[in-house]
Amino acid sequence: MSAVLGMVLSWLIMISAAPALPESNVDAYLCDGDPLRAQVEAGAVDAADIPNAELGTVSGAYVVLQWRGVSLQLPRTNNAGIPSFSDGRWWWQVEDPEHPSFAQRRGAIERYSCDRA
């Protein structure tokens, strides 16, 4: 019994000492009063001539949004201008870092008011 307890304690010490995932590219917002976390991930560098490549969002880039118990992974659009992300229903763009644009299409377009947290 003591050998099993020792193994369990060793395992608990190892997992508690594991480094946390970096949160440097996660931004926190309040959208319609609820917390939203946004994490932009760079994609494969395979098409340097696509608009916005110089802004760090190249082909394959995406954003992960966590909001109201839902996790969304939205691919970067090929729209010129400020990088935007959409799956056809949800849309995310950060033109103003203090007030990003967040919306979804459900028949009509619903826009959510967002502020940096």
C-alpha atoms as a PDB file:
ATOM      1  CA  MET A   1       0.000   0.000   0.000  1.00  0.00           C
ATOM      2  CA  SER A   2       2.808   2.420   0.850  1.00  0.00           C
ATOM      3  CA  ALA A   3       4.452   1.761  -2.542  1.00  0.00           C
ATOM      4  CA  VAL A   4       1.236   2.739  -4.340  1.00  0.00           C
ATOM      5  CA  LEU A   5       0.860   5.824  -2.172  1.00  0.00           C
ATOM      6  CA  GLY A   6       4.464   6.791  -2.922  1.00  0.00           C
ATOM      7  CA  MET A   7       3.881   6.419  -6.666  1.00  0.00           C
ATOM      8  CA  VAL A   8       0.731   8.538  -6.502  1.00  0.00           C
ATOM      9  CA  LEU A   9       2.490  11.251  -4.502  1.00  0.00           C
ATOM     10  CA  SER A  10       5.436  11.249  -6.951  1.00  0.00           C
ATOM     11  CA  TRP A  11       3.033  11.561  -9.865  1.00  0.00           C
ATOM     12  CA  LEU A  12       1.196  14.462  -8.185  1.00  0.00           C
ATOM     13  CA  ILE A  13       4.477  16.287  -7.566  1.00  0.00           C
ATOM     14  CA  MET A  14       5.512  15.835 -11.209  1.00  0.00           C
ATOM     15  CA  ILE A  15       2.261  17.182 -12.653  1.00  0.00           C
ATOM     16  CA  SER A  16       2.105  20.087 -10.233  1.00  0.00           C
ATOM     17  CA  ALA A  17       5.609  21.122 -11.309  1.00  0.00           C
ATOM     18  CA  ALA A  18       4.733  21.047 -15.030  1.00  0.00           C
ATOM     19  CA  PRO A  19       5.075  24.463 -16.658  1.00  0.00           C
ATOM     20  CA  ALA A  20       1.912  26.326 -17.551  1.00  0.00           C
ATOM     21  CA  LEU A  21       1.127  26.980 -21.180  1.00  0.00           C
ATOM     22  CA  PRO A  22       2.239  30.440 -22.301  1.00  0.00           C
ATOM     23  CA  GLU A  23      -0.563  32.972 -22.200  1.00  0.00           C
ATOM     24  CA  SER A  24       1.342  35.783 -23.906  1.00  0.00           C
ATOM     25  CA  ASN A  25      -0.828  35.675 -27.030  1.00  0.00           C
ATOM     26  CA  VAL A  26      -4.175  35.455 -25.195  1.00  0.00           C
ATOM     27  CA  ASP A  27      -6.235  38.629 -24.938  1.00  0.00           C
ATOM     28  CA  ALA A  28      -9.097  39.073 -22.485  1.00  0.00           C
ATOM     29  CA  TYR A  29     -12.270  41.005 -23.268  1.00  0.00           C
ATOM     30  CA  LEU A  30     -15.792  41.499 -21.982  1.00  0.00           C
ATOM     31  CA  CYS A  31     -18.324  40.973 -24.779  1.00  0.00           C
ATOM     32  CA  ASP A  32     -21.929  41.788 -23.904  1.00  0.00           C
ATOM     33  CA  GLY A  33     -20.873  41.577 -20.253  1.00  0.00           C
ATOM     34  CA  ASP A  34     -19.358  38.081 -20.443  1.00  0.00           C
ATOM     35  CA  PRO A  35     -15.630  37.240 -20.433  1.00  0.00           C
ATOM     36  CA  LEU A  36     -14.122  36.337 -23.807  1.00  0.00           C
ATOM     37  CA  ARG A  37     -10.602  35.013 -24.399  1.00  0.00           C
ATOM     38  CA  ALA A  38      -9.036  35.399 -27.841  1.00  0.00           C
ATOM     39  CA  GLN A  39      -5.869  33.637 -28.940  1.00  0.00           C
ATOM     40  CA  VAL A  40      -4.499  34.229 -32.449  1.00  0.00           C
ATOM     41  CA  GLU A  41      -2.294  31.468 -33.852  1.00  0.00           C
ATOM     42  CA  ALA A  42      -0.071  31.949 -36.901  1.00  0.00           C
ATOM     43  CA  GLY A  43      -0.575  29.519 -39.726  1.00  0.00           C
ATOM     44  CA  ALA A  44       1.733  27.949 -42.240  1.00  0.00           C
ATOM     45  CA  VAL A  45       3.889  30.392 -44.164  1.00  0.00           C
ATOM     46  CA  ASP A  46       2.997  29.172 -47.622  1.00  0.00           C
ATOM     47  CA  ALA A  47       1.589  32.211 -49.399  1.00  0.00           C
ATOM     48  CA  ALA A  48       3.497  35.390 -48.597  1.00  0.00           C
ATOM     49  CA  ASP A  49       1.590  37.391 -51.238  1.00  0.00           C
ATOM     50  CA  ILE A  50      -1.804  37.027 -49.489  1.00  0.00           C
ATOM     51  CA  PRO A  51      -3.054  40.345 -48.039  1.00  0.00           C
ATOM     52  CA  ASN A  52      -2.096  40.895 -44.382  1.00  0.00           C
ATOM     53  CA  ALA A  53       0.912  38.561 -44.504  1.00  0.00           C
ATOM     54  CA  GLU A  54       3.067  41.499 -43.433  1.00  0.00           C
ATOM     55  CA  LEU A  55       0.829  41.906 -40.355  1.00  0.00           C
ATOM     56  CA  GLY A  56       1.685  38.416 -39.133  1.00  0.00           C
ATOM     57  CA  THR A  57      -1.493  36.608 -40.175  1.00  0.00           C
ATOM     58  CA  VAL A  58      -0.599  34.412 -43.108  1.00  0.00           C
ATOM     59  CA  SER A  59      -2.460  31.603 -44.811  1.00  0.00           C
ATOM     60  CA  GLY A  60      -3.589  29.106 -42.198  1.00  0.00           C
ATOM     61  CA  ALA A  61      -3.765  31.603 -39.319  1.00  0.00           C
ATOM     62  CA  TYR A  62      -6.755  31.314 -37.000  1.00  0.00           C
ATOM     63  CA  VAL A  63      -8.195  32.692 -33.791  1.00  0.00           C
ATOM     64  CA  VAL A  64      -9.616  30.658 -30.921  1.00  0.00           C
ATOM     65  CA  LEU A  65     -12.398  32.430 -29.027  1.00  0.00           C
ATOM     66  CA  GLN A  66     -13.768  31.152 -25.722  1.00  0.00           C
ATOM     67  CA  TRP A  67     -17.034  32.816 -24.755  1.00  0.00           C
ATOM     68  CA  ARG A  68     -20.181  31.751 -22.883  1.00  0.00           C
ATOM     69  CA  GLY A  69     -19.052  28.136 -22.655  1.00  0.00           C
ATOM     70  CA  VAL A  70     -18.364  27.904 -26.394  1.00  0.00           C
ATOM     71  CA  SER A  71     -14.953  27.518 -28.023  1.00  0.00           C
ATOM     72  CA  LEU A  72     -14.717  28.777 -31.615  1.00  0.00           C
ATOM     73  CA  GLN A  73     -11.799  28.309 -33.986  1.00  0.00           C
ATOM     74  CA  LEU A  74     -12.179  30.826 -36.807  1.00  0.00           C
ATOM     75  CA  PRO A  75      -9.892  30.811 -39.856  1.00  0.00           C
ATOM     76  CA  ARG A  76      -8.356  34.018 -41.164  1.00  0.00           C
ATOM     77  CA  THR A  77     -10.258  35.535 -44.066  1.00  0.00           C
ATOM     78  CA  ASN A  78      -8.553  36.665 -47.241  1.00  0.00           C
ATOM     79  CA  ASN A  79     -10.091  40.121 -46.959  1.00  0.00           C
ATOM     80  CA  ALA A  80      -7.721  43.028 -47.529  1.00  0.00           C
ATOM     81  CA  GLY A  81      -7.158  45.445 -44.651  1.00  0.00           C
ATOM     82  CA  ILE A  82      -7.174  44.620 -40.953  1.00  0.00           C
ATOM     83  CA  PRO A  83      -6.947  40.835 -40.359  1.00  0.00           C
ATOM     84  CA  SER A  84     -10.358  39.282 -39.746  1.00  0.00           C
ATOM     85  CA  PHE A  85     -11.458  35.752 -38.911  1.00  0.00           C
ATOM     86  CA  SER A  86     -14.719  34.025 -39.867  1.00  0.00           C
ATOM     87  CA  ASP A  87     -16.328  30.633 -40.376  1.00  0.00           C
ATOM     88  CA  GLY A  88     -19.318  32.105 -42.202  1.00  0.00           C
ATOM     89  CA  ARG A  89     -21.434  32.363 -39.061  1.00  0.00           C
ATOM     90  CA  TRP A  90     -19.070  33.980 -36.521  1.00  0.00           C
ATOM     91  CA  TRP A  91     -16.808  36.958 -37.302  1.00  0.00           C
ATOM     92  CA  TRP A  92     -13.923  38.525 -35.294  1.00  0.00           C
ATOM     93  CA  GLN A  93     -11.719  41.524 -36.095  1.00  0.00           C
ATOM     94  CA  VAL A  94      -9.470  43.684 -33.925  1.00  0.00           C
ATOM     95  CA  GLU A  95      -9.172  47.049 -35.648  1.00  0.00           C
ATOM     96  CA  ASP A  96      -9.351  48.824 -32.283  1.00  0.00           C
ATOM     97  CA  PRO A  97      -7.558  46.706 -29.621  1.00  0.00           C
ATOM     98  CA  GLU A  98      -9.758  48.244 -26.919  1.00  0.00           C
ATOM     99  CA  HIS A  99     -13.032  47.439 -28.748  1.00  0.00           C
ATOM    100  CA  PRO A 100     -12.800  44.487 -31.165  1.00  0.00           C
ATOM    101  CA  SER A 101     -15.630  43.648 -33.560  1.00  0.00           C
ATOM    102  CA  PHE A 102     -17.488  40.414 -32.779  1.00  0.00           C
ATOM    103  CA  ALA A 103     -20.644  39.259 -34.540  1.00  0.00           C
ATOM    104  CA  GLN A 104     -22.617  36.278 -35.707  1.00  0.00           C
ATOM    105  CA  ARG A 105     -25.130  35.737 -38.489  1.00  0.00           C
ATOM    106  CA  ARG A 106     -28.386  34.117 -37.366  1.00  0.00           C
ATOM    107  CA  GLY A 107     -30.689  35.273 -40.132  1.00  0.00           C
ATOM    108  CA  ALA A 108     -29.804  38.848 -39.227  1.00  0.00           C
ATOM    109  CA  ILE A 109     -26.372  39.910 -37.995  1.00  0.00           C
ATOM    110  CA  GLU A 110     -26.018  40.098 -34.207  1.00  0.00           C
ATOM    111  CA  ARG A 111     -23.195  42.359 -33.053  1.00  0.00           C
ATOM    112  CA  TYR A 112     -21.707  42.067 -29.570  1.00  0.00           C
ATOM    113  CA  SER A 113     -20.203  45.033 -27.762  1.00  0.00           C
ATOM    114  CA  CYS A 114     -16.642  44.162 -26.652  1.00  0.00           C
ATOM    115  CA  ASP A 115     -14.176  45.978 -24.403  1.00  0.00           C
ATOM    116  CA  ARG A 116     -10.690  44.960 -23.297  1.00  0.00           C
ATOM    117  CA  ALA A 117     -10.891  43.443 -19.827  1.00  0.00           C
END
